[in-house]
């Protein structure tokens, strides 16, 4: 393979894969955190609604 024989190409491709992979992992973590925050907020709202006296 001619492209793989170039040291510059192999290092560039390796860096792209490395930082691309890190970006994907970070995005997955951010989405997970957002889902957790949304669920926690919903639980808090349900708890507060159940604590209100009837007719209030």
PDB file of N, CA and C in Angstrom:
ATOM      1  N   UNK A   1       0.860  -1.177   0.000  1.00  0.00           N
ATOM      2  CA  UNK A   1       0.000   0.000   0.000  1.00  0.00           C
ATOM      3  C   UNK A   1       0.904   1.238   0.000  1.00  0.00           C
ATOM      4  N   UNK A   2       0.732   2.084  -0.990  1.00  0.00           N
ATOM      5  CA  UNK A   2       1.605   3.234  -1.180  1.00  0.00           C
ATOM      6  C   UNK A   2       1.357   4.296  -0.108  1.00  0.00           C
ATOM      7  N   UNK A   3       0.082   4.538   0.233  1.00  0.00           N
ATOM      8  CA  UNK A   3      -0.224   5.584   1.218  1.00  0.00           C
ATOM      9  C   UNK A   3       0.314   5.245   2.600  1.00  0.00           C
ATOM     10  N   UNK A   4       0.272   3.984   2.967  1.00  0.00           N
ATOM     11  CA  UNK A   4       0.723   3.581   4.288  1.00  0.00           C
ATOM     12  C   UNK A   4       2.239   3.692   4.421  1.00  0.00           C
ATOM     13  N   UNK A   5       2.942   3.741   3.315  1.00  0.00           N
ATOM     14  CA  UNK A   5       4.402   3.803   3.388  1.00  0.00           C
ATOM     15  C   UNK A   5       4.890   5.200   3.765  1.00  0.00           C
ATOM     16  N   UNK A   6       4.043   6.208   3.635  1.00  0.00           N
ATOM     17  CA  UNK A   6       4.426   7.566   3.987  1.00  0.00           C
ATOM     18  C   UNK A   6       4.340   7.748   5.502  1.00  0.00           C
ATOM     19  N   UNK A   7       5.444   8.106   6.125  1.00  0.00           N
ATOM     20  CA  UNK A   7       5.460   8.300   7.577  1.00  0.00           C
ATOM     21  C   UNK A   7       4.568   9.463   7.985  1.00  0.00           C
ATOM     22  N   UNK A   8       4.580  10.519   7.190  1.00  0.00           N
ATOM     23  CA  UNK A   8       3.749  11.679   7.513  1.00  0.00           C
ATOM     24  C   UNK A   8       2.266  11.312   7.467  1.00  0.00           C
ATOM     25  N   UNK A   9       1.872  10.536   6.450  1.00  0.00           N
ATOM     26  CA  UNK A   9       0.465  10.140   6.344  1.00  0.00           C
ATOM     27  C   UNK A   9       0.059   9.261   7.522  1.00  0.00           C
ATOM     28  N   UNK A  10       0.893   8.314   7.888  1.00  0.00           N
ATOM     29  CA  UNK A  10       0.523   7.407   8.968  1.00  0.00           C
ATOM     30  C   UNK A  10       0.410   8.156  10.298  1.00  0.00           C
ATOM     31  N   UNK A  11       1.288   9.126  10.545  1.00  0.00           N
ATOM     32  CA  UNK A  11       1.196   9.904  11.783  1.00  0.00           C
ATOM     33  C   UNK A  11      -0.029  10.805  11.764  1.00  0.00           C
ATOM     34  N   UNK A  12      -0.296  11.426  10.628  1.00  0.00           N
ATOM     35  CA  UNK A  12      -1.476  12.289  10.507  1.00  0.00           C
ATOM     36  C   UNK A  12      -2.748  11.489  10.698  1.00  0.00           C
ATOM     37  N   UNK A  13      -2.827  10.338  10.048  1.00  0.00           N
ATOM     38  CA  UNK A  13      -4.013   9.487  10.178  1.00  0.00           C
ATOM     39  C   UNK A  13      -4.177   9.022  11.624  1.00  0.00           C
ATOM     40  N   UNK A  14      -3.083   8.670  12.276  1.00  0.00           N
ATOM     41  CA  UNK A  14      -3.144   8.249  13.672  1.00  0.00           C
ATOM     42  C   UNK A  14      -3.656   9.347  14.582  1.00  0.00           C
ATOM     43  N   UNK A  15      -3.209  10.573  14.350  1.00  0.00           N
ATOM     44  CA  UNK A  15      -3.684  11.698  15.154  1.00  0.00           C
ATOM     45  C   UNK A  15      -5.160  11.979  14.904  1.00  0.00           C
ATOM     46  N   UNK A  16      -5.582  11.885  13.657  1.00  0.00           N
ATOM     47  CA  UNK A  16      -7.000  12.107  13.336  1.00  0.00           C
ATOM     48  C   UNK A  16      -7.866  11.074  14.044  1.00  0.00           C
ATOM     49  N   UNK A  17      -7.450   9.816  13.991  1.00  0.00           N
ATOM     50  CA  UNK A  17      -8.223   8.757  14.646  1.00  0.00           C
ATOM     51  C   UNK A  17      -8.233   8.961  16.166  1.00  0.00           C
ATOM     52  N   UNK A  18      -7.086   9.318  16.729  1.00  0.00           N
ATOM     53  CA  UNK A  18      -6.995   9.507  18.180  1.00  0.00           C
ATOM     54  C   UNK A  18      -7.899  10.641  18.657  1.00  0.00           C
ATOM     55  N   UNK A  19      -7.746  11.816  18.058  1.00  0.00           N
ATOM     56  CA  UNK A  19      -8.529  12.954  18.527  1.00  0.00           C
ATOM     57  C   UNK A  19      -9.986  12.856  18.117  1.00  0.00           C
ATOM     58  N   UNK A  20     -10.268  12.210  17.003  1.00  0.00           N
ATOM     59  CA  UNK A  20     -11.659  11.958  16.637  1.00  0.00           C
ATOM     60  C   UNK A  20     -12.322  11.038  17.640  1.00  0.00           C
ATOM     61  N   UNK A  21     -11.605  10.011  18.055  1.00  0.00           N
ATOM     62  CA  UNK A  21     -12.138   9.080  19.054  1.00  0.00           C
ATOM     63  C   UNK A  21     -12.375   9.758  20.389  1.00  0.00           C
ATOM     64  N   UNK A  22     -11.444  10.625  20.785  1.00  0.00           N
ATOM     65  CA  UNK A  22     -11.619  11.368  22.038  1.00  0.00           C
ATOM     66  C   UNK A  22     -12.856  12.258  21.940  1.00  0.00           C
ATOM     67  N   UNK A  23     -13.048  12.895  20.793  1.00  0.00           N
ATOM     68  CA  UNK A  23     -14.224  13.751  20.600  1.00  0.00           C
ATOM     69  C   UNK A  23     -15.523  12.974  20.720  1.00  0.00           C
ATOM     70  N   UNK A  24     -15.551  11.786  20.153  1.00  0.00           N
ATOM     71  CA  UNK A  24     -16.755  10.951  20.231  1.00  0.00           C
ATOM     72  C   UNK A  24     -17.028  10.561  21.685  1.00  0.00           C
ATOM     73  N   UNK A  25     -16.001  10.160  22.401  1.00  0.00           N
ATOM     74  CA  UNK A  25     -16.171   9.766  23.802  1.00  0.00           C
ATOM     75  C   UNK A  25     -16.666  10.939  24.641  1.00  0.00           C
ATOM     76  N   UNK A  26     -16.101  12.117  24.429  1.00  0.00           N
ATOM     77  CA  UNK A  26     -16.523  13.304  25.180  1.00  0.00           C
ATOM     78  C   UNK A  26     -17.983  13.635  24.875  1.00  0.00           C
ATOM     79  N   UNK A  27     -18.382  13.534  23.611  1.00  0.00           N
ATOM     80  CA  UNK A  27     -19.776  13.819  23.255  1.00  0.00           C
ATOM     81  C   UNK A  27     -20.731  12.822  23.901  1.00  0.00           C
ATOM     82  N   UNK A  28     -20.341  11.563  23.962  1.00  0.00           N
ATOM     83  CA  UNK A  28     -21.181  10.557  24.614  1.00  0.00           C
ATOM     84  C   UNK A  28     -21.334  10.885  26.093  1.00  0.00           C
ATOM     85  N   UNK A  29     -20.257  11.289  26.739  1.00  0.00           N
ATOM     86  CA  UNK A  29     -20.316  11.642  28.161  1.00  0.00           C
ATOM     87  C   UNK A  29     -21.204  12.862  28.382  1.00  0.00           C
ATOM     88  N   UNK A  30     -21.105  13.860  27.506  1.00  0.00           N
ATOM     89  CA  UNK A  30     -21.932  15.063  27.640  1.00  0.00           C
ATOM     90  C   UNK A  30     -23.416  14.727  27.482  1.00  0.00           C
ATOM     91  N   UNK A  31     -23.750  13.880  26.522  1.00  0.00           N
ATOM     92  CA  UNK A  31     -25.148  13.473  26.327  1.00  0.00           C
ATOM     93  C   UNK A  31     -25.644  12.705  27.550  1.00  0.00           C
ATOM     94  N   UNK A  32     -24.808  11.833  28.100  1.00  0.00           N
ATOM     95  CA  UNK A  32     -25.183  11.075  29.304  1.00  0.00           C
ATOM     96  C   UNK A  32     -25.464  12.017  30.472  1.00  0.00           C
ATOM     97  N   UNK A  33     -24.614  13.008  30.648  1.00  0.00           N
ATOM     98  CA  UNK A  33     -24.806  13.973  31.727  1.00  0.00           C
ATOM     99  C   UNK A  33     -26.109  14.745  31.525  1.00  0.00           C
ATOM    100  N   UNK A  34     -26.383  15.153  30.290  1.00  0.00           N
ATOM    101  CA  UNK A  34     -27.615  15.896  30.002  1.00  0.00           C
ATOM    102  C   UNK A  34     -28.850  15.049  30.313  1.00  0.00           C
ATOM    103  N   UNK A  35     -28.809  13.763  29.978  1.00  0.00           N
ATOM    104  CA  UNK A  35     -29.941  12.873  30.263  1.00  0.00           C
ATOM    105  C   UNK A  35     -30.117  12.710  31.769  1.00  0.00           C
ATOM    106  N   UNK A  36     -29.017  12.581  32.489  1.00  0.00           N
ATOM    107  CA  UNK A  36     -29.088  12.448  33.946  1.00  0.00           C
ATOM    108  C   UNK A  36     -29.677  13.711  34.581  1.00  0.00           C
ATOM    109  N   UNK A  37     -29.259  14.872  34.116  1.00  0.00           N
ATOM    110  CA  UNK A  37     -29.771  16.133  34.655  1.00  0.00           C
ATOM    111  C   UNK A  37     -31.266  16.243  34.402  1.00  0.00           C
ATOM    112  N   UNK A  38     -31.688  15.880  33.199  1.00  0.00           N
ATOM    113  CA  UNK A  38     -33.112  15.971  32.860  1.00  0.00           C
ATOM    114  C   UNK A  38     -33.945  15.037  33.745  1.00  0.00           C
ATOM    115  N   UNK A  39     -33.455  13.830  33.963  1.00  0.00           N
ATOM    116  CA  UNK A  39     -34.175  12.883  34.813  1.00  0.00           C
ATOM    117  C   UNK A  39     -34.236  13.346  36.258  1.00  0.00           C
ATOM    118  N   UNK A  40     -33.134  13.882  36.752  1.00  0.00           N
ATOM    119  CA  UNK A  40     -33.100  14.376  38.130  1.00  0.00           C
ATOM    120  C   UNK A  40     -34.068  15.547  38.309  1.00  0.00           C
ATOM    121  N   UNK A  41     -34.122  16.430  37.331  1.00  0.00           N
ATOM    122  CA  UNK A  41     -35.036  17.579  37.406  1.00  0.00           C
ATOM    123  C   UNK A  41     -36.491  17.107  37.421  1.00  0.00           C
ATOM    124  N   UNK A  42     -36.786  16.118  36.591  1.00  0.00           N
ATOM    125  CA  UNK A  42     -38.156  15.599  36.553  1.00  0.00           C
ATOM    126  C   UNK A  42     -38.523  14.963  37.899  1.00  0.00           C
ATOM    127  N   UNK A  43     -37.595  14.211  38.482  1.00  0.00           N
ATOM    128  CA  UNK A  43     -37.858  13.612  39.791  1.00  0.00           C
ATOM    129  C   UNK A  43     -38.085  14.692  40.851  1.00  0.00           C
ATOM    130  N   UNK A  44     -37.304  15.756  40.814  1.00  0.00           N
ATOM    131  CA  UNK A  44     -37.472  16.843  41.784  1.00  0.00           C
ATOM    132  C   UNK A  44     -38.829  17.515  41.617  1.00  0.00           C
ATOM    133  N   UNK A  45     -39.248  17.739  40.377  1.00  0.00           N
ATOM    134  CA  UNK A  45     -40.552  18.367  40.136  1.00  0.00           C
ATOM    135  C   UNK A  45     -41.691  17.472  40.620  1.00  0.00           C
ATOM    136  N   UNK A  46     -41.567  16.167  40.376  1.00  0.00           N
ATOM    137  CA  UNK A  46     -42.598  15.248  40.848  1.00  0.00           C
ATOM    138  C   UNK A  46     -42.647  15.227  42.375  1.00  0.00           C
ATOM    139  N   UNK A  47     -41.498  15.257  43.008  1.00  0.00           N
ATOM    140  CA  UNK A  47     -41.446  15.271  44.477  1.00  0.00           C
ATOM    141  C   UNK A  47     -42.087  16.542  45.033  1.00  0.00           C
ATOM    142  N   UNK A  48     -41.743  17.685  44.436  1.00  0.00           N
ATOM    143  CA  UNK A  48     -42.311  18.946  44.918  1.00  0.00           C
ATOM    144  C   UNK A  48     -43.820  18.986  44.678  1.00  0.00           C
ATOM    145  N   UNK A  49     -44.279  18.435  43.572  1.00  0.00           N
ATOM    146  CA  UNK A  49     -45.718  18.421  43.296  1.00  0.00           C
ATOM    147  C   UNK A  49     -46.450  17.535  44.294  1.00  0.00           C
ATOM    148  N   UNK A  50     -45.835  16.470  44.734  1.00  0.00           N
ATOM    149  CA  UNK A  50     -46.489  15.579  45.689  1.00  0.00           C
ATOM    150  C   UNK A  50     -46.500  16.165  47.098  1.00  0.00           C
ATOM    151  N   UNK A  51     -45.649  17.137  47.369  1.00  0.00           N
ATOM    152  CA  UNK A  51     -45.562  17.741  48.697  1.00  0.00           C
ATOM    153  C   UNK A  51     -46.532  18.915  48.872  1.00  0.00           C
ATOM    154  N   UNK A  52     -47.099  19.411  47.772  1.00  0.00           N
ATOM    155  CA  UNK A  52     -48.036  20.541  47.882  1.00  0.00           C
ATOM    156  C   UNK A  52     -49.335  20.070  48.512  1.00  0.00           C
ATOM    157  N   UNK A  53     -49.879  20.893  49.385  1.00  0.00           N
ATOM    158  CA  UNK A  53     -51.181  20.514  49.985  1.00  0.00           C
ATOM    159  C   UNK A  53     -52.274  20.546  48.927  1.00  0.00           C
ATOM    160  N   UNK A  54     -53.306  19.729  49.092  1.00  0.00           N
ATOM    161  CA  UNK A  54     -54.402  19.710  48.105  1.00  0.00           C
ATOM    162  C   UNK A  54     -55.072  21.078  48.002  1.00  0.00           C
ATOM    163  N   UNK A  55     -55.354  21.503  46.790  1.00  0.00           N
ATOM    164  CA  UNK A  55     -56.025  22.780  46.556  1.00  0.00           C
ATOM    165  C   UNK A  55     -55.099  23.974  46.575  1.00  0.00           C
ATOM    166  N   UNK A  56     -53.811  23.751  46.681  1.00  0.00           N
ATOM    167  CA  UNK A  56     -52.879  24.896  46.740  1.00  0.00           C
ATOM    168  C   UNK A  56     -52.391  25.283  45.369  1.00  0.00           C
TER     169      UNK A  56
END
